Amino acid sequence: MGETPFITVEGPIGVGKTSLTKAIAEYFQYHLLREIVDENPFLGKFYQDIHEWSFQTEMFFLCNRFKQLEDINQLYLAHKKPVVADYHVMKNMIFAARTLKDEQYQKYVQIYHILTSDMPNPNVVIYLNASLDTLLKRIQLRGREIEKDMDPGYLLQLKQDYEAAMNQFEQDYSDVTVLRFNGDELDFVHNPDHLQLILDKIEETILRRSQS
């Protein structure tokens, strides 16, 4: 029997991770795992003053993602039930490295490795990226109150951090398939053909991995 598909969708804020994850879950009938965002009580303050509220924000996300992945492993993956998630836990390190002060970052890294040492790892990662203009437009369209004060400079830096992190990820985890899609070229939310192109590529990947 082949591996149980565990797919994660990643990319910078506003690129469409949740929309694509929901479409994948519906198409393949996989369990959908969505990260907790709006429930983070520190996030609005974080976008107003990143350095003051970064540690609280990142610790909230880390603890919640740890609990979610623990539950997913026990209730689904351990029983060979496929899962698609709209985040990879590695995103914690991308954000923490950019926003935390040195002493906070060192403590955070220690906690991160303790919590994630035995967490399930995805076998397929879908990486979405887009230009800053596209990201800003999509953030504006979805109209989240907590994102209205986001600094475009922070978003640009985050986009660059994601690119560097994903390049490193592919080197470190050669056994994981990474599928890259450009959000400037593919509007999978409004164009069914673009969405089907992505779904076909995922299906092809799952089939190939199951036969290897």
Protein backbone atom coordinates (compact mmCIF):
# COMPACT_ATOMS: atom_id res chain seq x y z
CA MET A 1 0.00 0.00 0.00
CA GLY A 2 1.37 3.45 -0.95
CA GLU A 3 1.98 6.37 1.33
CA THR A 4 -0.93 8.34 2.75
CA PRO A 5 -1.09 11.73 1.02
CA PHE A 6 -0.32 14.60 3.37
CA ILE A 7 -0.31 17.81 1.34
CA THR A 8 0.48 21.29 2.61
CA VAL A 9 -0.04 24.57 0.77
CA GLU A 10 2.37 27.39 1.54
CA GLY A 11 3.23 30.91 0.44
CA PRO A 12 3.17 34.51 1.67
CA ILE A 13 0.15 36.28 3.13
CA GLY A 14 -2.60 36.89 0.57
CA VAL A 15 -1.41 34.42 -2.07
CA GLY A 16 -4.52 32.20 -1.81
CA LYS A 17 -3.42 29.28 0.37
CA THR A 18 -6.77 28.72 2.07
CA SER A 19 -8.78 28.99 -1.15
CA LEU A 20 -6.61 26.44 -2.92
CA THR A 21 -6.54 24.11 0.10
CA LYS A 22 -10.34 24.06 0.24
CA ALA A 23 -10.52 23.29 -3.49
CA ILE A 24 -8.05 20.41 -3.10
CA ALA A 25 -9.97 18.99 -0.14
CA GLU A 26 -13.24 19.07 -2.07
CA TYR A 27 -11.78 17.61 -5.27
CA PHE A 28 -9.90 14.71 -3.67
CA GLN A 29 -12.20 14.31 -0.65
CA TYR A 30 -9.30 14.80 1.77
CA HIS A 31 -9.62 16.04 5.32
CA LEU A 32 -9.09 19.82 5.44
CA LEU A 33 -6.78 21.30 8.06
CA ARG A 34 -6.95 25.09 8.35
CA GLU A 35 -4.64 27.12 10.51
CA ILE A 36 -6.04 29.33 13.24
CA VAL A 37 -5.53 32.97 12.24
CA ASP A 38 -8.34 35.28 13.26
CA GLU A 39 -8.45 33.70 16.72
CA ASN A 40 -4.93 34.90 17.50
CA PRO A 41 -5.52 37.75 20.02
CA PHE A 42 -2.13 39.33 19.29
CA LEU A 43 -2.26 39.50 15.49
CA GLY A 44 -3.93 42.89 15.12
CA LYS A 45 -1.44 44.44 17.54
CA PHE A 46 1.38 42.67 15.71
CA TYR A 47 0.59 44.39 12.40
CA GLN A 48 0.56 47.74 14.21
CA ASP A 49 3.83 47.17 16.10
CA ILE A 50 5.68 44.11 14.84
CA HIS A 51 8.63 44.16 17.21
CA GLU A 52 6.56 44.71 20.34
CA TRP A 53 4.09 41.88 19.73
CA SER A 54 6.06 39.37 17.62
CA PHE A 55 6.99 36.90 20.37
CA GLN A 56 3.44 36.60 21.71
CA THR A 57 2.06 36.25 18.18
CA GLU A 58 4.53 33.58 17.10
CA MET A 59 4.17 31.55 20.30
CA PHE A 60 0.38 31.49 19.92
CA PHE A 61 0.70 30.22 16.34
CA LEU A 62 3.33 27.63 17.24
CA CYS A 63 1.35 26.13 20.11
CA ASN A 64 -1.87 25.97 18.11
CA ARG A 65 -0.18 24.42 15.08
CA PHE A 66 1.51 21.86 17.31
CA LYS A 67 -1.86 20.83 18.76
CA GLN A 68 -3.50 20.70 15.34
CA LEU A 69 -0.77 18.50 13.86
CA GLU A 70 -0.82 16.22 16.89
CA ASP A 71 -4.56 15.71 16.45
CA ILE A 72 -4.24 15.23 12.68
CA ASN A 73 -1.60 12.59 13.16
CA GLN A 74 -3.64 10.63 15.70
CA LEU A 75 -7.06 10.93 14.08
CA TYR A 76 -6.25 10.81 10.36
CA LEU A 77 -2.72 10.04 9.17
CA ALA A 78 -2.25 7.17 11.62
CA HIS A 79 -5.39 5.64 10.09
CA LYS A 80 -4.27 6.17 6.48
CA LYS A 81 -6.71 9.03 5.93
CA PRO A 82 -5.30 11.72 3.58
CA VAL A 83 -5.01 15.32 4.76
CA VAL A 84 -4.46 18.68 3.06
CA ALA A 85 -3.40 21.66 5.18
CA ASP A 86 -3.16 25.36 4.38
CA TYR A 87 0.20 25.67 6.14
CA HIS A 88 3.46 23.88 6.84
CA VAL A 89 4.78 24.17 10.38
CA MET A 90 8.10 25.43 8.99
CA LYS A 91 6.42 28.79 8.38
CA ASN A 92 6.91 29.47 12.07
CA MET A 93 10.65 29.72 11.51
CA ILE A 94 10.22 32.03 8.51
CA PHE A 95 8.20 34.54 10.52
CA ALA A 96 10.21 34.16 13.72
CA ALA A 97 13.56 34.71 12.00
CA ARG A 98 12.30 37.97 10.53
CA THR A 99 10.49 39.46 13.54
CA LEU A 100 12.00 38.21 16.81
CA LYS A 101 14.87 39.80 18.68
CA ASP A 102 18.03 37.67 18.98
CA GLU A 103 17.42 36.44 22.53
CA GLN A 104 13.76 35.75 21.83
CA TYR A 105 14.64 33.95 18.63
CA GLN A 106 17.10 31.60 20.35
CA LYS A 107 14.47 30.63 22.92
CA TYR A 108 11.85 30.23 20.21
CA VAL A 109 14.07 27.91 18.15
CA GLN A 110 14.59 25.64 21.16
CA ILE A 111 10.85 25.42 21.81
CA TYR A 112 10.12 24.89 18.10
CA HIS A 113 12.45 21.90 17.83
CA ILE A 114 11.08 20.32 21.02
CA LEU A 115 7.48 20.61 19.81
CA THR A 116 8.03 19.55 16.20
CA SER A 117 10.62 16.77 16.60
CA ASP A 118 8.03 14.00 16.17
CA MET A 119 5.39 15.81 14.17
CA PRO A 120 4.14 14.29 10.86
CA ASN A 121 5.84 15.67 7.76
CA PRO A 122 4.01 16.30 4.48
CA ASN A 123 5.03 14.36 1.40
CA VAL A 124 3.82 17.04 -1.04
CA VAL A 125 4.24 20.80 -0.58
CA ILE A 126 2.48 23.24 -2.89
CA TYR A 127 4.28 26.57 -2.95
CA LEU A 128 2.32 29.59 -4.18
CA ASN A 129 4.05 32.88 -4.85
CA ALA A 130 3.06 36.18 -6.45
CA SER A 131 4.25 39.75 -6.90
CA LEU A 132 3.80 42.30 -4.13
CA ASP A 133 1.09 44.09 -6.14
CA THR A 134 -0.92 40.87 -6.48
CA LEU A 135 -0.56 40.06 -2.79
CA LEU A 136 -1.67 43.55 -1.74
CA LYS A 137 -4.69 43.43 -4.05
CA ARG A 138 -5.82 40.07 -2.72
CA ILE A 139 -5.36 41.16 0.89
CA GLN A 140 -7.46 44.24 0.18
CA LEU A 141 -10.16 42.18 -1.55
CA ARG A 142 -10.60 39.78 1.36
CA GLY A 143 -10.92 42.74 3.73
CA ARG A 144 -9.62 41.31 6.98
CA GLU A 145 -9.74 44.02 9.61
CA ILE A 146 -6.56 42.79 11.33
CA GLU A 147 -4.57 43.12 8.09
CA LYS A 148 -5.51 46.71 7.25
CA ASP A 149 -2.42 48.14 8.98
CA MET A 150 0.07 45.74 7.39
CA ASP A 151 3.27 47.42 6.15
CA PRO A 152 3.87 46.65 2.43
CA GLY A 153 7.59 46.61 3.19
CA TYR A 154 7.02 43.80 5.69
CA LEU A 155 5.02 41.86 3.11
CA LEU A 156 7.74 42.29 0.48
CA GLN A 157 10.40 41.06 2.88
CA LEU A 158 8.18 38.13 3.84
CA LYS A 159 7.79 37.19 0.18
CA GLN A 160 11.58 37.17 -0.20
CA ASP A 161 12.00 35.17 3.00
CA TYR A 162 9.56 32.57 1.72
CA GLU A 163 11.47 32.20 -1.52
CA ALA A 164 14.75 31.64 0.31
CA ALA A 165 13.14 29.22 2.77
CA MET A 166 11.52 27.14 0.04
CA ASN A 167 14.78 26.91 -1.91
CA GLN A 168 16.49 25.65 1.24
CA PHE A 169 13.61 23.29 1.98
CA GLU A 170 13.99 21.60 -1.40
CA GLN A 171 17.67 21.01 -0.69
CA ASP A 172 17.07 19.68 2.83
CA TYR A 173 14.05 17.49 2.03
CA SER A 174 14.66 15.98 -1.37
CA ASP A 175 12.16 13.20 -0.62
CA VAL A 176 9.30 15.73 -0.48
CA THR A 177 7.74 16.83 -3.77
CA VAL A 178 7.47 20.61 -4.08
CA LEU A 179 5.04 21.96 -6.69
CA ARG A 180 5.49 25.65 -7.48
CA PHE A 181 2.76 27.86 -8.96
CA ASN A 182 2.88 31.55 -9.88
CA GLY A 183 -0.12 33.49 -8.55
CA ASP A 184 0.43 36.26 -11.10
CA GLU A 185 -0.14 33.78 -13.93
CA LEU A 186 -2.78 31.53 -12.35
CA ASP A 187 -6.02 32.89 -10.90
CA PHE A 188 -7.37 29.60 -9.56
CA VAL A 189 -10.09 31.36 -7.55
CA HIS A 190 -11.84 32.87 -10.57
CA ASN A 191 -10.60 30.72 -13.45
CA PRO A 192 -11.72 27.04 -13.37
CA ASP A 193 -9.17 26.09 -16.04
CA HIS A 194 -6.33 27.40 -13.90
CA LEU A 195 -7.63 25.48 -10.91
CA GLN A 196 -7.95 22.28 -12.92
CA LEU A 197 -4.39 22.65 -14.16
CA ILE A 198 -3.19 22.68 -10.55
CA LEU A 199 -5.45 19.79 -9.53
CA ASP A 200 -4.24 17.68 -12.46
CA LYS A 201 -0.62 18.30 -11.48
CA ILE A 202 -1.36 17.28 -7.88
CA GLU A 203 -3.18 14.13 -9.02
CA GLU A 204 -0.26 13.19 -11.25
CA THR A 205 2.14 13.71 -8.35
CA ILE A 206 0.11 11.63 -5.91
CA LEU A 207 -0.13 8.80 -8.42
CA ARG A 208 3.58 8.86 -9.16
CA ARG A 209 4.52 8.85 -5.47
CA SER A 210 2.12 5.99 -4.72
CA GLN A 211 3.81 3.88 -7.37
CA SER A 212 7.38 4.64 -6.37
